[in-house]
C-alpha atoms as a PDB file:
ATOM      1  CA  MET A   1     128.696 -86.205 -28.467  1.00  0.00           C
ATOM      2  CA  ASN A   2     128.646 -89.613 -26.825  1.00  0.00           C
ATOM      3  CA  TYR A   3     128.505 -90.171 -23.107  1.00  0.00           C
ATOM      4  CA  LEU A   4     130.181 -92.715 -20.890  1.00  0.00           C
ATOM      5  CA  LYS A   5     129.194 -93.361 -17.304  1.00  0.00           C
ATOM      6  CA  LEU A   6     132.101 -94.324 -15.050  1.00  0.00           C
ATOM      7  CA  LYS A   7     131.995 -96.075 -11.720  1.00  0.00           C
ATOM      8  CA  LEU A   8     134.809 -94.950  -9.426  1.00  0.00           C
ATOM      9  CA  ASP A   9     135.915 -96.500  -6.182  1.00  0.00           C
ATOM     10  CA  ASP A  10     135.064 -94.435  -3.101  1.00  0.00           C
ATOM     11  CA  GLY A  11     138.627 -93.264  -2.511  1.00  0.00           C
ATOM     12  CA  THR A  12     139.115 -92.000  -6.064  1.00  0.00           C
ATOM     13  CA  TYR A  13     135.760 -90.249  -6.089  1.00  0.00           C
ATOM     14  CA  GLN A  14     136.407 -88.577  -2.747  1.00  0.00           C
ATOM     15  CA  TYR A  15     139.875 -87.452  -3.863  1.00  0.00           C
ATOM     16  CA  LEU A  16     138.479 -85.863  -7.027  1.00  0.00           C
ATOM     17  CA  LYS A  17     135.591 -84.298  -5.140  1.00  0.00           C
ATOM     18  CA  ASP A  18     138.001 -82.750  -2.627  1.00  0.00           C
ATOM     19  CA  LYS A  19     140.526 -81.686  -5.276  1.00  0.00           C
ATOM     20  CA  PHE A  20     137.905 -79.844  -7.331  1.00  0.00           C
ATOM     21  CA  ASP A  21     135.729 -78.645  -4.428  1.00  0.00           C
ATOM     22  CA  GLY A  22     132.818 -80.754  -5.634  1.00  0.00           C
ATOM     23  CA  ASP A  23     132.721 -79.086  -9.084  1.00  0.00           C
ATOM     24  CA  ILE A  24     131.458 -81.923 -11.292  1.00  0.00           C
ATOM     25  CA  ASN A  25     132.305 -80.043 -14.509  1.00  0.00           C
ATOM     26  CA  ALA A  26     135.927 -79.602 -13.391  1.00  0.00           C
ATOM     27  CA  ILE A  27     136.135 -83.295 -12.509  1.00  0.00           C
ATOM     28  CA  GLU A  28     134.746 -84.256 -15.933  1.00  0.00           C
ATOM     29  CA  ASP A  29     137.227 -81.958 -17.709  1.00  0.00           C
ATOM     30  CA  PHE A  30     140.112 -83.428 -15.714  1.00  0.00           C
ATOM     31  CA  ILE A  31     139.092 -86.998 -16.543  1.00  0.00           C
ATOM     32  CA  LYS A  32     138.627 -86.136 -20.236  1.00  0.00           C
ATOM     33  CA  LYS A  33     142.147 -84.674 -20.398  1.00  0.00           C
ATOM     34  CA  ILE A  34     143.668 -87.718 -18.701  1.00  0.00           C
ATOM     35  CA  LEU A  35     141.863 -90.134 -21.025  1.00  0.00           C
ATOM     36  CA  SER A  36     142.776 -88.127 -24.123  1.00  0.00           C
ATOM     37  CA  LYS A  37     146.468 -88.122 -23.171  1.00  0.00           C
ATOM     38  CA  GLU A  38     146.495 -91.870 -22.508  1.00  0.00           C
ATOM     39  CA  ILE A  39     144.676 -92.658 -25.749  1.00  0.00           C
ATOM     40  CA  GLU A  40     147.062 -90.423 -27.684  1.00  0.00           C
ATOM     41  CA  LYS A  41     149.994 -92.413 -26.284  1.00  0.00           C
ATOM     42  CA  THR A  42     148.519 -95.694 -27.530  1.00  0.00           C
ATOM     43  CA  ARG A  43     147.749 -94.237 -30.951  1.00  0.00           C
ATOM     44  CA  LEU A  44     151.296 -93.060 -31.589  1.00  0.00           C
ATOM     45  CA  ASP A  45     152.955 -94.548 -34.624  1.00  0.00           C
ATOM     46  CA  PRO A  46     155.441 -97.227 -33.441  1.00  0.00           C
ATOM     47  CA  ASN A  47     158.237 -95.419 -35.304  1.00  0.00           C
ATOM     48  CA  GLU A  48     157.382 -92.145 -33.568  1.00  0.00           C
ATOM     49  CA  LEU A  49     157.264 -93.896 -30.199  1.00  0.00           C
ATOM     50  CA  GLU A  50     160.691 -95.482 -30.824  1.00  0.00           C
ATOM     51  CA  LYS A  51     162.108 -92.111 -31.911  1.00  0.00           C
ATOM     52  CA  LYS A  52     160.688 -90.471 -28.773  1.00  0.00           C
ATOM     53  CA  ASN A  53     162.193 -93.157 -26.521  1.00  0.00           C
ATOM     54  CA  THR A  54     165.569 -92.837 -28.272  1.00  0.00           C
ATOM     55  CA  ASN A  55     165.601 -89.079 -27.768  1.00  0.00           C
ATOM     56  CA  GLU A  56     164.657 -89.441 -24.098  1.00  0.00           C
ATOM     57  CA  ASN A  57     167.354 -92.084 -23.539  1.00  0.00           C
ATOM     58  CA  LEU A  58     169.984 -89.893 -25.182  1.00  0.00           C
ATOM     59  CA  GLU A  59     168.945 -86.908 -23.106  1.00  0.00           C
ATOM     60  CA  ASN A  60     169.077 -88.981 -19.900  1.00  0.00           C
ATOM     61  CA  TYR A  61     172.538 -90.270 -20.853  1.00  0.00           C
ATOM     62  CA  LEU A  62     173.845 -86.785 -21.492  1.00  0.00           C
ATOM     63  CA  LYS A  63     172.504 -85.573 -18.152  1.00  0.00           C
ATOM     64  CA  SER A  64     173.910 -88.569 -16.259  1.00  0.00           C
ATOM     65  CA  GLY A  65     177.571 -87.473 -16.274  1.00  0.00           C
ATOM     66  CA  LYS A  66     178.994 -85.623 -13.308  1.00  0.00           C
ATOM     67  CA  SER A  67     180.151 -82.108 -13.858  1.00  0.00           C
ATOM     68  CA  GLY A  68     183.941 -81.920 -13.917  1.00  0.00           C
ATOM     69  CA  SER A  69     184.464 -85.540 -14.874  1.00  0.00           C
ATOM     70  CA  ARG A  70     186.335 -86.421 -18.051  1.00  0.00           C
ATOM     71  CA  SER A  71     183.393 -88.337 -19.537  1.00  0.00           C
ATOM     72  CA  TYR A  72     181.068 -85.393 -19.005  1.00  0.00           C
ATOM     73  CA  GLY A  73     183.133 -83.191 -21.301  1.00  0.00           C
ATOM     74  CA  ILE A  74     182.970 -85.471 -24.314  1.00  0.00           C
ATOM     75  CA  LYS A  75     179.293 -86.408 -24.137  1.00  0.00           C
ATOM     76  CA  GLY A  76     177.284 -84.953 -26.948  1.00  0.00           C
ATOM     77  CA  GLN A  77     180.260 -83.751 -28.937  1.00  0.00           C
ATOM     78  CA  GLY A  78     179.759 -86.204 -31.788  1.00  0.00           C
ATOM     79  CA  TRP A  79     182.900 -88.300 -31.372  1.00  0.00           C
END
């Protein structure tokens, strides 16, 4: 396993220290999870990323109609 030493600004360090009651192992685990998620986003295949964005946009569009309106009833019906 490789190690990386991070320098945090005082506010960020204090926030993490308070959030995890000074448990350094919990802070390290939290930071590892955050970094892993961010790196995974950048490693996504561009086609997968485009597909994900398309699905999210479609879902947002379908949820955007007001209940009871005429346009709401036809959204997502394939025509």
